[in-house]
N, C-alpha and C. Protein backbone atom coordinates (compact mmCIF):
# COMPACT_ATOMS: atom_id res chain seq x y z
N MET A 1 99.02 -62.51 252.72
CA MET A 1 97.77 -62.81 252.44
C MET A 1 96.99 -61.96 253.29
N ALA A 2 97.17 -61.45 254.12
CA ALA A 2 95.82 -60.38 254.93
C ALA A 2 95.68 -59.40 253.64
N THR A 3 97.04 -58.69 252.98
CA THR A 3 96.56 -58.00 252.53
C THR A 3 95.68 -58.21 251.11
N SER A 4 95.33 -59.27 250.95
CA SER A 4 94.72 -59.57 249.57
C SER A 4 93.43 -59.93 250.24
N ASN A 5 93.39 -60.18 251.50
CA ASN A 5 92.00 -60.64 252.25
C ASN A 5 91.55 -59.16 252.21
N LYS A 6 92.40 -58.42 252.33
CA LYS A 6 92.16 -57.05 252.87
C LYS A 6 91.20 -56.08 251.29
N VAL A 7 91.84 -56.16 250.46
CA VAL A 7 91.75 -55.51 249.27
C VAL A 7 90.00 -56.25 248.62
N LYS A 8 90.28 -57.73 249.29
CA LYS A 8 89.04 -58.32 248.47
C LYS A 8 87.68 -57.90 249.25
N ARG A 9 87.63 -57.72 250.71
CA ARG A 9 86.70 -57.43 251.19
C ARG A 9 86.43 -55.65 250.91
N ARG A 10 87.48 -55.14 250.38
CA ARG A 10 86.86 -53.76 250.26
C ARG A 10 86.23 -53.51 248.88
N LEU A 11 86.36 -54.33 248.20
CA LEU A 11 86.11 -54.20 246.76
C LEU A 11 84.89 -54.97 246.98
N ARG A 12 84.67 -55.97 247.84
CA ARG A 12 83.28 -57.02 248.16
C ARG A 12 81.95 -55.57 248.75
N ILE A 13 82.09 -54.93 249.66
CA ILE A 13 81.60 -53.46 250.02
C ILE A 13 81.45 -52.51 249.00
N LYS A 14 82.65 -51.98 248.51
CA LYS A 14 82.37 -51.27 247.47
C LYS A 14 81.37 -51.86 246.34
N LYS A 15 81.39 -52.53 245.85
CA LYS A 15 79.91 -53.00 245.01
C LYS A 15 78.72 -53.03 245.45
N GLY A 16 78.80 -53.42 247.38
CA GLY A 16 77.12 -53.57 247.68
C GLY A 16 76.81 -51.71 247.40
N ILE A 17 77.91 -50.83 248.02
CA ILE A 17 77.82 -49.92 247.68
C ILE A 17 77.53 -48.76 246.66
N ARG A 18 77.97 -49.36 245.50
CA ARG A 18 77.63 -48.92 244.50
C ARG A 18 76.21 -49.46 243.34
N LYS A 19 75.80 -50.43 244.50
CA LYS A 19 74.40 -50.75 243.94
C LYS A 19 73.08 -49.78 243.97
N GLN A 20 73.60 -48.92 245.68
CA GLN A 20 72.77 -48.21 246.24
C GLN A 20 72.67 -46.57 245.49
N VAL A 21 73.94 -46.40 245.16
CA VAL A 21 74.81 -44.95 244.82
C VAL A 21 74.43 -44.58 243.59
N HIS A 22 74.14 -43.58 243.16
CA HIS A 22 74.18 -43.52 241.84
C HIS A 22 74.13 -41.85 241.44
N GLY A 23 74.87 -41.62 240.88
CA GLY A 23 75.14 -40.20 240.45
C GLY A 23 74.18 -39.36 239.70
N THR A 24 73.50 -38.42 240.10
CA THR A 24 72.39 -37.95 238.34
C THR A 24 73.38 -36.65 238.13
N SER A 25 72.17 -36.15 237.29
CA SER A 25 72.77 -34.41 237.12
C SER A 25 72.38 -33.65 237.72
N GLU A 26 71.45 -34.14 238.89
CA GLU A 26 70.58 -33.49 240.17
C GLU A 26 71.62 -33.69 241.47
N ARG A 27 71.98 -34.95 241.80
CA ARG A 27 72.53 -35.05 242.77
C ARG A 27 74.15 -36.31 242.13
N PRO A 28 75.06 -35.34 241.74
CA PRO A 28 76.34 -36.09 241.40
C PRO A 28 76.45 -37.22 242.85
N ARG A 29 77.79 -37.85 242.02
CA ARG A 29 78.55 -38.82 243.13
C ARG A 29 79.93 -38.48 243.85
N LEU A 30 79.68 -38.15 245.13
CA LEU A 30 81.49 -38.00 245.51
C LEU A 30 82.11 -39.37 245.57
N SER A 31 83.10 -39.63 244.72
CA SER A 31 83.50 -40.75 245.43
C SER A 31 85.07 -40.53 245.84
N VAL A 32 85.33 -40.81 246.64
CA VAL A 32 86.83 -41.03 247.43
C VAL A 32 87.75 -42.14 247.37
N PHE A 33 89.05 -42.07 246.97
CA PHE A 33 89.68 -42.92 246.63
C PHE A 33 91.35 -42.54 247.69
N ARG A 34 91.45 -43.75 248.57
CA ARG A 34 92.53 -43.15 249.61
C ARG A 34 94.13 -44.18 249.33
N SER A 35 94.88 -43.81 248.86
CA SER A 35 95.83 -44.65 249.04
C SER A 35 96.75 -44.36 250.26
N ASN A 36 97.78 -45.05 250.29
CA ASN A 36 98.50 -44.99 251.66
C ASN A 36 99.19 -43.54 251.91
N THR A 37 99.30 -42.96 250.50
CA THR A 37 100.60 -41.45 250.11
C THR A 37 99.39 -40.01 249.80
N ARG A 38 98.76 -40.56 249.32
CA ARG A 38 96.99 -39.64 248.87
C ARG A 38 95.72 -39.93 249.42
N ILE A 39 94.67 -38.93 249.00
CA ILE A 39 93.84 -38.52 249.07
C ILE A 39 93.40 -37.97 248.02
N TYR A 40 92.33 -38.65 247.32
CA TYR A 40 91.46 -38.01 246.19
C TYR A 40 89.78 -38.06 246.00
N ALA A 41 89.75 -37.55 245.25
CA ALA A 41 88.14 -37.43 245.61
C ALA A 41 87.33 -36.55 244.05
N GLN A 42 86.81 -37.12 243.41
CA GLN A 42 86.15 -36.50 242.32
C GLN A 42 84.23 -36.17 242.61
N ILE A 43 83.56 -35.58 241.91
CA ILE A 43 81.99 -35.59 241.89
C ILE A 43 82.07 -36.00 240.19
N ILE A 44 81.34 -36.89 239.93
CA ILE A 44 81.05 -37.59 238.87
C ILE A 44 79.38 -37.42 238.47
N ASN A 45 78.73 -37.45 237.57
CA ASN A 45 77.74 -37.47 236.65
C ASN A 45 77.82 -39.23 236.05
N ASP A 46 76.67 -39.88 236.95
CA ASP A 46 77.21 -41.13 236.30
C ASP A 46 76.40 -41.61 234.60
N ASP A 47 75.07 -40.65 234.98
CA ASP A 47 74.24 -40.24 233.79
C ASP A 47 75.02 -40.30 232.21
N GLU A 48 75.80 -38.90 232.35
CA GLU A 48 76.56 -38.79 231.23
C GLU A 48 78.05 -39.37 231.33
N GLY A 49 78.52 -40.15 232.55
CA GLY A 49 79.89 -40.64 232.81
C GLY A 49 80.43 -39.53 232.65
N LYS A 50 80.88 -38.27 233.75
CA LYS A 50 81.57 -37.26 233.39
C LYS A 50 82.25 -36.51 235.02
N THR A 51 83.02 -36.45 234.90
CA THR A 51 83.43 -35.60 236.21
C THR A 51 83.29 -34.15 236.30
N LEU A 52 83.21 -33.71 237.04
CA LEU A 52 82.35 -32.28 237.15
C LEU A 52 83.13 -31.82 238.00
N ALA A 53 83.66 -32.14 239.24
CA ALA A 53 84.65 -31.67 239.68
C ALA A 53 85.69 -32.70 240.47
N SER A 54 87.00 -32.17 240.38
CA SER A 54 87.90 -33.24 241.42
C SER A 54 89.28 -32.61 242.16
N ALA A 55 89.78 -33.06 243.10
CA ALA A 55 90.86 -32.56 244.04
C ALA A 55 91.74 -33.60 244.60
N SER A 56 92.68 -33.36 245.04
CA SER A 56 93.56 -34.32 245.55
C SER A 56 94.71 -33.44 246.48
N SER A 57 95.47 -34.66 247.62
CA SER A 57 96.06 -33.97 248.78
C SER A 57 97.39 -33.37 247.60
N VAL A 58 97.52 -34.19 246.29
CA VAL A 58 98.74 -33.67 245.48
C VAL A 58 98.41 -31.87 245.37
N GLU A 59 97.66 -31.21 245.71
CA GLU A 59 97.35 -29.69 245.37
C GLU A 59 97.49 -29.21 246.86
N VAL A 60 97.38 -29.52 247.79
CA VAL A 60 97.46 -28.96 248.84
C VAL A 60 98.93 -29.49 249.90
N SER A 61 99.26 -30.58 250.19
CA SER A 61 100.14 -30.91 250.60
C SER A 61 101.42 -32.02 250.26
N GLU A 62 102.34 -32.05 250.92
CA GLU A 62 103.16 -33.35 250.10
C GLU A 62 102.94 -34.25 250.83
N LYS A 63 102.41 -34.55 252.33
CA LYS A 63 102.02 -36.05 252.88
C LYS A 63 100.47 -35.77 253.43
N VAL A 64 99.66 -36.58 253.39
CA VAL A 64 98.27 -36.73 253.69
C VAL A 64 97.99 -36.96 255.05
N SER A 65 97.26 -36.23 255.49
CA SER A 65 96.83 -36.04 257.00
C SER A 65 95.16 -36.00 257.22
N ILE A 66 94.53 -35.90 258.33
CA ILE A 66 93.15 -35.98 258.85
C ILE A 66 93.15 -34.62 258.19
N GLU A 67 94.25 -33.73 258.53
CA GLU A 67 93.78 -31.78 258.39
C GLU A 67 94.20 -31.65 256.74
N VAL A 68 95.30 -32.35 255.93
CA VAL A 68 94.79 -32.38 254.93
C VAL A 68 93.68 -32.69 254.36
N ALA A 69 92.75 -33.84 255.00
CA ALA A 69 91.67 -34.51 253.69
C ALA A 69 90.72 -33.38 253.92
N LYS A 70 90.53 -32.59 255.02
CA LYS A 70 89.70 -31.86 255.31
C LYS A 70 90.15 -30.59 254.38
N GLU A 71 91.31 -30.13 254.40
CA GLU A 71 91.29 -29.26 253.19
C GLU A 71 90.90 -29.38 251.31
N VAL A 72 90.96 -30.97 251.44
CA VAL A 72 90.85 -31.17 250.25
C VAL A 72 89.50 -30.99 249.76
N GLY A 73 88.62 -31.42 251.08
CA GLY A 73 87.23 -31.39 250.88
C GLY A 73 87.12 -30.34 250.90
N LYS A 74 87.40 -29.13 251.80
CA LYS A 74 87.15 -28.06 250.70
C LYS A 74 87.24 -27.45 249.45
N LYS A 75 88.45 -27.78 249.24
CA LYS A 75 88.84 -27.25 247.82
C LYS A 75 87.52 -28.06 246.90
N LEU A 76 87.91 -29.37 247.14
CA LEU A 76 86.37 -29.78 245.99
C LEU A 76 85.24 -29.26 246.01
N ALA A 77 84.74 -28.68 247.56
CA ALA A 77 83.40 -28.11 247.59
C ALA A 77 83.46 -26.77 246.92
N GLU A 78 84.66 -25.86 246.52
CA GLU A 78 84.93 -25.02 246.01
C GLU A 78 84.66 -25.07 244.66
N LYS A 79 85.25 -25.93 243.85
CA LYS A 79 85.15 -26.16 242.90
C LYS A 79 83.70 -26.66 242.01
N ALA A 80 83.21 -27.40 243.03
CA ALA A 80 82.14 -28.02 243.13
C ALA A 80 80.83 -26.99 242.73
N LEU A 81 80.92 -25.90 243.74
CA LEU A 81 79.86 -24.65 243.80
C LEU A 81 80.32 -24.34 242.32
N ALA A 82 81.53 -24.06 242.00
CA ALA A 82 81.40 -23.25 241.10
C ALA A 82 80.93 -23.98 239.55
N ALA A 83 80.92 -25.24 239.42
CA ALA A 83 80.44 -26.00 238.68
C ALA A 83 78.84 -26.09 238.63
N ASP A 84 78.35 -25.28 239.63
CA ASP A 84 76.86 -25.07 239.84
C ASP A 84 76.39 -26.90 240.28
N VAL A 85 76.95 -27.20 241.48
CA VAL A 85 76.72 -28.88 242.48
C VAL A 85 77.00 -27.69 243.53
N LYS A 86 75.38 -28.54 244.35
CA LYS A 86 75.08 -28.15 245.65
C LYS A 86 74.90 -29.11 246.50
N GLN A 87 74.16 -30.22 245.88
CA GLN A 87 73.82 -31.56 246.40
C GLN A 87 74.45 -32.47 246.00
N ILE A 88 75.05 -33.30 246.66
CA ILE A 88 75.71 -34.96 246.45
C ILE A 88 75.19 -36.13 247.15
N VAL A 89 75.75 -36.92 246.29
CA VAL A 89 75.42 -38.17 246.88
C VAL A 89 76.73 -38.89 247.41
N PHE A 90 77.10 -39.26 248.70
CA PHE A 90 78.56 -39.80 248.98
C PHE A 90 78.71 -41.46 248.83
N ASP A 91 79.93 -41.86 248.38
CA ASP A 91 80.04 -42.95 247.68
C ASP A 91 81.68 -43.01 248.54
N ARG A 92 81.76 -43.45 249.43
CA ARG A 92 82.97 -43.99 250.19
C ARG A 92 83.79 -45.19 249.60
N ASN A 93 83.60 -45.81 248.85
CA ASN A 93 84.33 -46.30 247.62
C ASN A 93 84.62 -47.78 248.52
N GLY A 94 83.82 -48.08 249.50
CA GLY A 94 84.54 -49.69 250.28
C GLY A 94 85.33 -49.02 251.70
N TYR A 95 86.12 -47.87 251.95
CA TYR A 95 86.22 -47.56 252.93
C TYR A 95 85.51 -47.23 254.49
N LEU A 96 86.40 -47.22 255.27
CA LEU A 96 85.35 -47.76 256.87
C LEU A 96 84.82 -45.56 256.61
N TYR A 97 84.36 -45.57 257.86
CA TYR A 97 83.55 -43.88 257.77
C TYR A 97 84.49 -43.52 258.93
N HIS A 98 85.85 -43.08 258.96
CA HIS A 98 86.42 -42.56 260.20
C HIS A 98 88.15 -41.99 259.62
N GLY A 99 88.52 -41.08 260.09
CA GLY A 99 89.90 -41.09 259.91
C GLY A 99 89.86 -39.93 258.63
N LYS A 100 90.60 -40.27 257.40
CA LYS A 100 90.52 -39.35 256.62
C LYS A 100 89.39 -39.02 255.84
N VAL A 101 88.53 -40.26 255.71
CA VAL A 101 87.73 -40.47 254.42
C VAL A 101 86.42 -39.27 255.25
N LYS A 102 86.27 -39.71 256.59
CA LYS A 102 84.82 -38.78 257.21
C LYS A 102 85.82 -37.41 257.27
N SER A 103 87.22 -36.80 257.54
CA SER A 103 87.78 -35.55 257.76
C SER A 103 87.26 -35.04 255.89
N LEU A 104 87.62 -35.92 255.08
CA LEU A 104 87.33 -35.23 253.81
C LEU A 104 85.93 -34.93 253.71
N ALA A 105 85.01 -35.62 253.94
CA ALA A 105 83.39 -35.84 254.07
C ALA A 105 82.81 -34.05 254.49
N GLU A 106 83.63 -33.61 255.76
CA GLU A 106 83.14 -32.84 257.20
C GLU A 106 83.70 -31.72 256.39
N GLY A 107 85.06 -31.48 255.40
CA GLY A 107 85.32 -30.43 254.62
C GLY A 107 84.60 -30.04 253.34
N ALA A 108 84.28 -30.94 253.16
CA ALA A 108 83.11 -30.70 251.95
C ALA A 108 81.73 -30.04 252.68
N ARG A 109 81.19 -30.12 253.26
CA ARG A 109 80.26 -30.24 254.12
C ARG A 109 80.50 -28.66 254.59
N GLU A 110 81.65 -28.42 255.21
CA GLU A 110 81.88 -27.02 255.71
C GLU A 110 82.09 -26.05 254.66
N GLY A 111 82.75 -26.65 253.15
CA GLY A 111 82.55 -25.80 251.99
C GLY A 111 81.34 -25.51 251.72
N GLY A 112 80.27 -26.15 252.09
CA GLY A 112 78.73 -25.83 251.09
C GLY A 112 77.89 -26.74 250.56
N LEU A 113 78.78 -28.14 250.57
CA LEU A 113 78.06 -29.19 249.70
C LEU A 113 76.62 -29.50 250.97
N GLN A 114 76.16 -30.23 250.42
CA GLN A 114 74.45 -30.59 251.15
C GLN A 114 74.54 -32.38 250.71
N PHE A 115 75.16 -33.31 251.61
CA PHE A 115 74.90 -34.82 251.68
C PHE A 115 73.16 -35.22 251.66
């Protein structure tokens, strides 16, 4: 029962975030998805509905940790800079901004993306 409430809470928070955060061609949206075993991130232009760059922990390591999430952020930043994207808006997708989500964002900043 608690899991259902947790999922509903995250989806409610996600809706509130998505009302305010919108990716454009000048500032696309960095969306994060976190599961129990993996972390995924993609840079999306919502105007055209296209994914410009993506990275996941599958490319970096077998298991996800804070260090692996930081590496995913750096790898995503490399791909984004290759696609000529420098500024983004961050969509934490209803997750709290700490732990793996925060580490991914810090890795993307270190890689050269501006939030």
